[in-house]
Amino acid sequence: MRGQQTKDNLWIAAGDGQLDRVQELIESGVDVNSHDEYGYTALHAAVSYNQKEILEYLLEKGGNVNIEDFEKDTPLYVAETVEMARFLLDKGADPKHKNAEGVTPAQNAHEEGWQPVALLFAEITKEELPSLNDQIEQVIGSSGQGANNLAVTARTMSEEAIKEEGDGDDQAMEHYIEDMVRRIQEQGGVQNEEELREAVTKMVLEQLQNAFDLPK
């Protein structure tokens, strides 16, 4: 879309990679650090959509790499790739920042499933991110041997599913299980281990059905 004459505002233009439009708006007097009605900034938009060239321009024009939205999330909170995260860090972004809920960039990236980014931040801040067992315990609302046993069950079932798909490496398996736990949380969680086992089984079957385009 770059080079086309548009009437998009700064935030949309930044996210879309419309450098000409972003330059036009900034040079006409629009504040590079301005917020829209939802608290979003052009820097957040550029980072979220991985528009590095736009981000570089915004920073050159006085953009604040640690600018907060209305929830006190800085651009680091929407960095989904290690490359973008490293770029922000090199420009002075604060990995120890906490948003309105007390969540750090590392914790946020972990919750979003951006594990390489989460690990990068945690390595700098020395934070300890939740383990897979911690996440499963949180889902079933308990702790102890039952949750540990279920973690093993989930891992075993997921490992078999991943092997069927032809990708059995540890990192893929870890991401698969974390995604599965996150999906269960989004669906309201479960009350006990039996319900979690049923949810795990259902999601593994769905994964296999999607992989082999089987009838549901």
C-alpha atoms as a PDB file:
ATOM      1  CA  MET A   1       0.000   0.000   0.000  1.00  0.00           C
ATOM      2  CA  ARG A   2       3.037   2.248   0.286  1.00  0.00           C
ATOM      3  CA  GLY A   3       3.065   5.133  -2.164  1.00  0.00           C
ATOM      4  CA  GLN A   4      -0.712   5.260  -2.603  1.00  0.00           C
ATOM      5  CA  GLN A   5      -2.600   8.395  -1.646  1.00  0.00           C
ATOM      6  CA  THR A   6      -4.766   7.454   1.329  1.00  0.00           C
ATOM      7  CA  LYS A   7      -6.638   9.208   4.087  1.00  0.00           C
ATOM      8  CA  ASP A   8      -5.782   6.631   6.727  1.00  0.00           C
ATOM      9  CA  ASN A   9      -4.914   7.953  10.161  1.00  0.00           C
ATOM     10  CA  LEU A  10      -1.459   7.583  11.674  1.00  0.00           C
ATOM     11  CA  TRP A  11      -2.184   4.349  13.527  1.00  0.00           C
ATOM     12  CA  ILE A  12      -3.681   2.521  10.554  1.00  0.00           C
ATOM     13  CA  ALA A  13      -0.965   3.777   8.227  1.00  0.00           C
ATOM     14  CA  ALA A  14       1.752   2.638  10.633  1.00  0.00           C
ATOM     15  CA  GLY A  15       0.280  -0.834  10.939  1.00  0.00           C
ATOM     16  CA  ASP A  16      -0.223  -1.142   7.187  1.00  0.00           C
ATOM     17  CA  GLY A  17       3.331  -0.125   6.369  1.00  0.00           C
ATOM     18  CA  GLN A  18       2.329   3.084   4.576  1.00  0.00           C
ATOM     19  CA  LEU A  19       5.581   4.967   5.072  1.00  0.00           C
ATOM     20  CA  ASP A  20       4.634   7.826   2.742  1.00  0.00           C
ATOM     21  CA  ARG A  21       1.373   8.409   4.608  1.00  0.00           C
ATOM     22  CA  VAL A  22       3.089   8.197   8.007  1.00  0.00           C
ATOM     23  CA  GLN A  23       5.687  10.737   6.870  1.00  0.00           C
ATOM     24  CA  GLU A  24       2.975  13.013   5.502  1.00  0.00           C
ATOM     25  CA  LEU A  25       1.095  12.979   8.788  1.00  0.00           C
ATOM     26  CA  ILE A  26       4.149  13.497  10.989  1.00  0.00           C
ATOM     27  CA  GLU A  27       5.465  16.304   8.791  1.00  0.00           C
ATOM     28  CA  SER A  28       2.052  17.982   8.882  1.00  0.00           C
ATOM     29  CA  GLY A  29       2.259  18.191  12.655  1.00  0.00           C
ATOM     30  CA  VAL A  30       0.628  15.031  13.993  1.00  0.00           C
ATOM     31  CA  ASP A  31       2.264  14.063  17.297  1.00  0.00           C
ATOM     32  CA  VAL A  32       4.319  10.906  16.784  1.00  0.00           C
ATOM     33  CA  ASN A  33       3.408   9.803  20.314  1.00  0.00           C
ATOM     34  CA  SER A  34      -0.305  10.549  20.080  1.00  0.00           C
ATOM     35  CA  HIS A  35      -2.904   8.016  21.247  1.00  0.00           C
ATOM     36  CA  ASP A  36      -6.096   7.117  19.495  1.00  0.00           C
ATOM     37  CA  GLU A  37      -9.390   6.842  21.386  1.00  0.00           C
ATOM     38  CA  TYR A  38      -8.467   3.341  22.544  1.00  0.00           C
ATOM     39  CA  GLY A  39      -5.030   4.308  23.800  1.00  0.00           C
ATOM     40  CA  TYR A  40      -3.212   2.844  20.802  1.00  0.00           C
ATOM     41  CA  THR A  41      -0.133   4.562  19.380  1.00  0.00           C
ATOM     42  CA  ALA A  42       1.572   4.369  16.015  1.00  0.00           C
ATOM     43  CA  LEU A  43       4.552   2.700  17.686  1.00  0.00           C
ATOM     44  CA  HIS A  44       2.343  -0.058  19.065  1.00  0.00           C
ATOM     45  CA  ALA A  45       0.804  -0.511  15.611  1.00  0.00           C
ATOM     46  CA  ALA A  46       4.165  -0.695  13.851  1.00  0.00           C
ATOM     47  CA  VAL A  47       5.510  -3.256  16.326  1.00  0.00           C
ATOM     48  CA  SER A  48       2.337  -5.337  16.346  1.00  0.00           C
ATOM     49  CA  TYR A  49       2.377  -5.666  12.558  1.00  0.00           C
ATOM     50  CA  ASN A  50       6.151  -6.054  12.368  1.00  0.00           C
ATOM     51  CA  GLN A  51       6.643  -2.839  10.395  1.00  0.00           C
ATOM     52  CA  LYS A  52      10.292  -2.237  11.263  1.00  0.00           C
ATOM     53  CA  GLU A  53      10.877   0.489   8.684  1.00  0.00           C
ATOM     54  CA  ILE A  54       7.906   2.448  10.004  1.00  0.00           C
ATOM     55  CA  LEU A  55       9.099   1.951  13.568  1.00  0.00           C
ATOM     56  CA  GLU A  56      12.578   3.209  12.728  1.00  0.00           C
ATOM     57  CA  TYR A  57      11.086   6.353  11.198  1.00  0.00           C
ATOM     58  CA  LEU A  58       8.813   6.965  14.192  1.00  0.00           C
ATOM     59  CA  LEU A  59      11.725   6.639  16.600  1.00  0.00           C
ATOM     60  CA  GLU A  60      13.826   8.998  14.475  1.00  0.00           C
ATOM     61  CA  LYS A  61      11.011  11.545  14.751  1.00  0.00           C
ATOM     62  CA  GLY A  62      10.920  11.418  18.531  1.00  0.00           C
ATOM     63  CA  GLY A  63       8.810   8.338  19.143  1.00  0.00           C
ATOM     64  CA  ASN A  64       9.041   7.082  22.732  1.00  0.00           C
ATOM     65  CA  VAL A  65      10.098   3.435  22.695  1.00  0.00           C
ATOM     66  CA  ASN A  66       8.575   3.036  26.167  1.00  0.00           C
ATOM     67  CA  ILE A  67       5.308   4.829  25.462  1.00  0.00           C
ATOM     68  CA  GLU A  68       2.326   3.323  27.296  1.00  0.00           C
ATOM     69  CA  ASP A  69      -1.181   2.692  26.045  1.00  0.00           C
ATOM     70  CA  PHE A  70      -4.124   3.177  28.405  1.00  0.00           C
ATOM     71  CA  GLU A  71      -3.366  -0.192  30.060  1.00  0.00           C
ATOM     72  CA  LYS A  72       0.283   0.788  30.474  1.00  0.00           C
ATOM     73  CA  ASP A  73       1.433  -1.713  27.854  1.00  0.00           C
ATOM     74  CA  THR A  74       4.537  -0.516  26.023  1.00  0.00           C
ATOM     75  CA  PRO A  75       5.413  -1.586  22.450  1.00  0.00           C
ATOM     76  CA  LEU A  76       7.375  -4.527  23.928  1.00  0.00           C
ATOM     77  CA  TYR A  77       4.040  -6.083  24.882  1.00  0.00           C
ATOM     78  CA  VAL A  78       3.038  -6.507  21.232  1.00  0.00           C
ATOM     79  CA  ALA A  79       6.390  -7.721  19.899  1.00  0.00           C
ATOM     80  CA  GLU A  80       5.724 -11.215  18.547  1.00  0.00           C
ATOM     81  CA  THR A  81       9.136 -11.944  17.038  1.00  0.00           C
ATOM     82  CA  VAL A  82      12.609 -12.105  18.530  1.00  0.00           C
ATOM     83  CA  GLU A  83      13.901  -9.804  15.802  1.00  0.00           C
ATOM     84  CA  MET A  84      11.424  -7.080  16.687  1.00  0.00           C
ATOM     85  CA  ALA A  85      11.947  -7.599  20.410  1.00  0.00           C
ATOM     86  CA  ARG A  86      15.726  -7.286  20.056  1.00  0.00           C
ATOM     87  CA  PHE A  87      15.330  -4.156  17.966  1.00  0.00           C
ATOM     88  CA  LEU A  88      13.202  -2.521  20.658  1.00  0.00           C
ATOM     89  CA  LEU A  89      15.615  -3.564  23.390  1.00  0.00           C
ATOM     90  CA  ASP A  90      18.509  -2.099  21.417  1.00  0.00           C
ATOM     91  CA  LYS A  91      16.557   1.165  21.226  1.00  0.00           C
ATOM     92  CA  GLY A  92      16.144   1.299  24.990  1.00  0.00           C
ATOM     93  CA  ALA A  93      12.868  -0.522  25.627  1.00  0.00           C
ATOM     94  CA  ASP A  94      12.480  -1.547  29.276  1.00  0.00           C
ATOM     95  CA  PRO A  95      11.943  -5.317  29.719  1.00  0.00           C
ATOM     96  CA  LYS A  96      11.286  -4.808  33.462  1.00  0.00           C
ATOM     97  CA  HIS A  97       8.285  -2.572  32.874  1.00  0.00           C
ATOM     98  CA  LYS A  98       4.977  -3.611  34.461  1.00  0.00           C
ATOM     99  CA  ASN A  99       1.594  -2.757  33.018  1.00  0.00           C
ATOM    100  CA  ALA A 100      -1.561  -1.804  34.913  1.00  0.00           C
ATOM    101  CA  GLU A 101      -2.060  -5.434  35.958  1.00  0.00           C
ATOM    102  CA  GLY A 102       1.520  -5.825  37.139  1.00  0.00           C
ATOM    103  CA  VAL A 103       2.440  -8.021  34.178  1.00  0.00           C
ATOM    104  CA  THR A 104       5.895  -7.796  32.604  1.00  0.00           C
ATOM    105  CA  PRO A 105       6.682  -8.139  28.883  1.00  0.00           C
ATOM    106  CA  ALA A 106       8.104 -11.618  29.528  1.00  0.00           C
ATOM    107  CA  GLN A 107       4.971 -12.769  31.328  1.00  0.00           C
ATOM    108  CA  ASN A 108       2.756 -11.282  28.653  1.00  0.00           C
ATOM    109  CA  ALA A 109       4.689 -12.951  25.824  1.00  0.00           C
ATOM    110  CA  HIS A 110       4.490 -16.261  27.674  1.00  0.00           C
ATOM    111  CA  GLU A 111       0.716 -15.933  28.087  1.00  0.00           C
ATOM    112  CA  GLU A 112       0.334 -15.044  24.407  1.00  0.00           C
ATOM    113  CA  GLY A 113       2.338 -18.092  23.347  1.00  0.00           C
ATOM    114  CA  TRP A 114       5.314 -16.161  21.958  1.00  0.00           C
ATOM    115  CA  GLN A 115       7.789 -18.398  23.771  1.00  0.00           C
ATOM    116  CA  PRO A 116      11.049 -17.325  22.051  1.00  0.00           C
ATOM    117  CA  VAL A 117      10.234 -13.706  22.890  1.00  0.00           C
ATOM    118  CA  ALA A 118       9.261 -14.589  26.452  1.00  0.00           C
ATOM    119  CA  LEU A 119      12.523 -16.462  26.963  1.00  0.00           C
ATOM    120  CA  LEU A 120      14.514 -13.545  25.554  1.00  0.00           C
ATOM    121  CA  PHE A 121      12.955 -11.104  28.014  1.00  0.00           C
ATOM    122  CA  ALA A 122      13.167 -13.528  30.931  1.00  0.00           C
ATOM    123  CA  GLU A 123      16.848 -14.113  30.267  1.00  0.00           C
ATOM    124  CA  ILE A 124      17.440 -10.387  30.689  1.00  0.00           C
ATOM    125  CA  THR A 125      15.162  -9.815  33.663  1.00  0.00           C
ATOM    126  CA  LYS A 126      15.949 -13.139  35.383  1.00  0.00           C
ATOM    127  CA  GLU A 127      12.243 -13.894  35.695  1.00  0.00           C
ATOM    128  CA  GLU A 128      11.051 -17.451  36.203  1.00  0.00           C
ATOM    129  CA  LEU A 129       8.261 -18.213  33.769  1.00  0.00           C
ATOM    130  CA  PRO A 130       5.491 -20.690  34.653  1.00  0.00           C
ATOM    131  CA  SER A 131       6.266 -24.291  33.768  1.00  0.00           C
ATOM    132  CA  LEU A 132       3.896 -26.562  31.886  1.00  0.00           C
ATOM    133  CA  ASN A 133       2.918 -28.273  35.148  1.00  0.00           C
ATOM    134  CA  ASP A 134       2.177 -24.871  36.697  1.00  0.00           C
ATOM    135  CA  GLN A 135      -0.179 -24.078  33.828  1.00  0.00           C
ATOM    136  CA  ILE A 136      -1.983 -27.411  34.088  1.00  0.00           C
ATOM    137  CA  GLU A 137      -2.339 -27.008  37.841  1.00  0.00           C
ATOM    138  CA  GLN A 138      -3.835 -23.587  37.277  1.00  0.00           C
ATOM    139  CA  VAL A 139      -6.360 -25.001  34.814  1.00  0.00           C
ATOM    140  CA  ILE A 140      -7.634 -27.732  37.138  1.00  0.00           C
ATOM    141  CA  GLY A 141      -7.442 -25.456  40.163  1.00  0.00           C
ATOM    142  CA  SER A 142      -5.347 -27.807  42.274  1.00  0.00           C
ATOM    143  CA  SER A 143      -1.787 -28.897  42.914  1.00  0.00           C
ATOM    144  CA  GLY A 144       0.173 -31.957  43.852  1.00  0.00           C
ATOM    145  CA  GLN A 145       0.563 -35.453  42.467  1.00  0.00           C
ATOM    146  CA  GLY A 146      -2.718 -35.428  40.545  1.00  0.00           C
ATOM    147  CA  ALA A 147      -1.683 -32.469  38.436  1.00  0.00           C
ATOM    148  CA  ASN A 148       1.773 -33.923  37.881  1.00  0.00           C
ATOM    149  CA  ASN A 149       0.291 -37.200  36.674  1.00  0.00           C
ATOM    150  CA  LEU A 150      -2.036 -35.349  34.356  1.00  0.00           C
ATOM    151  CA  ALA A 151       0.840 -33.324  32.962  1.00  0.00           C
ATOM    152  CA  VAL A 152       2.555 -36.568  32.026  1.00  0.00           C
ATOM    153  CA  THR A 153      -0.667 -37.854  30.461  1.00  0.00           C
ATOM    154  CA  ALA A 154      -1.111 -34.687  28.420  1.00  0.00           C
ATOM    155  CA  ARG A 155       2.505 -34.752  27.313  1.00  0.00           C
ATOM    156  CA  THR A 156       2.305 -38.421  26.284  1.00  0.00           C
ATOM    157  CA  MET A 157      -0.897 -37.934  24.316  1.00  0.00           C
ATOM    158  CA  SER A 158       0.432 -34.837  22.619  1.00  0.00           C
ATOM    159  CA  GLU A 159       3.716 -36.512  21.786  1.00  0.00           C
ATOM    160  CA  GLU A 160       1.864 -39.290  19.988  1.00  0.00           C
ATOM    161  CA  ALA A 161      -0.211 -36.759  18.044  1.00  0.00           C
ATOM    162  CA  ILE A 162       2.865 -34.814  16.994  1.00  0.00           C
ATOM    163  CA  LYS A 163       4.650 -37.994  15.906  1.00  0.00           C
ATOM    164  CA  GLU A 164       1.668 -38.808  13.713  1.00  0.00           C
ATOM    165  CA  GLU A 165       2.069 -35.404  12.088  1.00  0.00           C
ATOM    166  CA  GLY A 166       5.746 -36.047  11.416  1.00  0.00           C
ATOM    167  CA  ASP A 167       7.134 -33.416  13.795  1.00  0.00           C
ATOM    168  CA  GLY A 168       8.227 -34.929  17.077  1.00  0.00           C
ATOM    169  CA  ASP A 169      10.816 -32.452  18.294  1.00  0.00           C
ATOM    170  CA  ASP A 170      10.645 -31.330  21.913  1.00  0.00           C
ATOM    171  CA  GLN A 171      10.022 -27.663  21.115  1.00  0.00           C
ATOM    172  CA  ALA A 172       7.060 -28.451  18.883  1.00  0.00           C
ATOM    173  CA  MET A 173       5.608 -30.733  21.540  1.00  0.00           C
ATOM    174  CA  GLU A 174       6.044 -28.090  24.230  1.00  0.00           C
ATOM    175  CA  HIS A 175       4.325 -25.453  22.104  1.00  0.00           C
ATOM    176  CA  TYR A 176       1.513 -27.854  21.260  1.00  0.00           C
ATOM    177  CA  ILE A 177       0.804 -28.661  24.916  1.00  0.00           C
ATOM    178  CA  GLU A 178       0.991 -25.017  25.954  1.00  0.00           C
ATOM    179  CA  ASP A 179      -1.465 -24.117  23.216  1.00  0.00           C
ATOM    180  CA  MET A 180      -3.756 -26.912  24.365  1.00  0.00           C
ATOM    181  CA  VAL A 181      -3.701 -25.702  27.977  1.00  0.00           C
ATOM    182  CA  ARG A 182      -4.314 -22.126  26.842  1.00  0.00           C
ATOM    183  CA  ARG A 183      -7.332 -23.205  24.807  1.00  0.00           C
ATOM    184  CA  ILE A 184      -8.798 -25.018  27.790  1.00  0.00           C
ATOM    185  CA  GLN A 185      -8.370 -21.869  29.878  1.00  0.00           C
ATOM    186  CA  GLU A 186     -10.088 -19.769  27.218  1.00  0.00           C
ATOM    187  CA  GLN A 187     -13.030 -22.190  27.263  1.00  0.00           C
ATOM    188  CA  GLY A 188     -13.548 -21.618  30.966  1.00  0.00           C
ATOM    189  CA  GLY A 189     -11.234 -24.211  32.486  1.00  0.00           C
ATOM    190  CA  VAL A 190     -12.261 -27.489  34.073  1.00  0.00           C
ATOM    191  CA  GLN A 191     -13.342 -28.608  37.521  1.00  0.00           C
ATOM    192  CA  ASN A 192     -11.327 -31.786  37.936  1.00  0.00           C
ATOM    193  CA  GLU A 193      -8.781 -34.091  36.372  1.00  0.00           C
ATOM    194  CA  GLU A 194     -11.392 -36.181  34.575  1.00  0.00           C
ATOM    195  CA  GLU A 195     -12.723 -33.142  32.751  1.00  0.00           C
ATOM    196  CA  LEU A 196      -9.218 -32.055  31.830  1.00  0.00           C
ATOM    197  CA  ARG A 197      -8.429 -35.537  30.518  1.00  0.00           C
ATOM    198  CA  GLU A 198     -11.554 -35.397  28.357  1.00  0.00           C
ATOM    199  CA  ALA A 199     -10.610 -31.933  27.088  1.00  0.00           C
ATOM    200  CA  VAL A 200      -7.075 -33.075  26.280  1.00  0.00           C
ATOM    201  CA  THR A 201      -8.375 -36.121  24.435  1.00  0.00           C
ATOM    202  CA  LYS A 202     -10.809 -34.010  22.414  1.00  0.00           C
ATOM    203  CA  MET A 203      -8.142 -31.522  21.387  1.00  0.00           C
ATOM    204  CA  VAL A 204      -5.651 -34.214  20.406  1.00  0.00           C
ATOM    205  CA  LEU A 205      -8.319 -35.826  18.226  1.00  0.00           C
ATOM    206  CA  GLU A 206      -9.127 -32.453  16.671  1.00  0.00           C
ATOM    207  CA  GLN A 207      -5.452 -31.945  15.908  1.00  0.00           C
ATOM    208  CA  LEU A 208      -5.249 -35.325  14.191  1.00  0.00           C
ATOM    209  CA  GLN A 209      -8.452 -34.666  12.252  1.00  0.00           C
ATOM    210  CA  ASN A 210      -7.100 -31.348  11.025  1.00  0.00           C
ATOM    211  CA  ALA A 211      -3.753 -32.885  10.130  1.00  0.00           C
ATOM    212  CA  PHE A 212      -5.243 -35.674   8.043  1.00  0.00           C
ATOM    213  CA  ASP A 213      -8.459 -33.909   6.994  1.00  0.00           C
ATOM    214  CA  LEU A 214     -10.535 -36.661   8.577  1.00  0.00           C
ATOM    215  CA  PRO A 215     -14.327 -36.350   8.895  1.00  0.00           C
ATOM    216  CA  LYS A 216     -15.475 -34.977  12.257  1.00  0.00           C
END
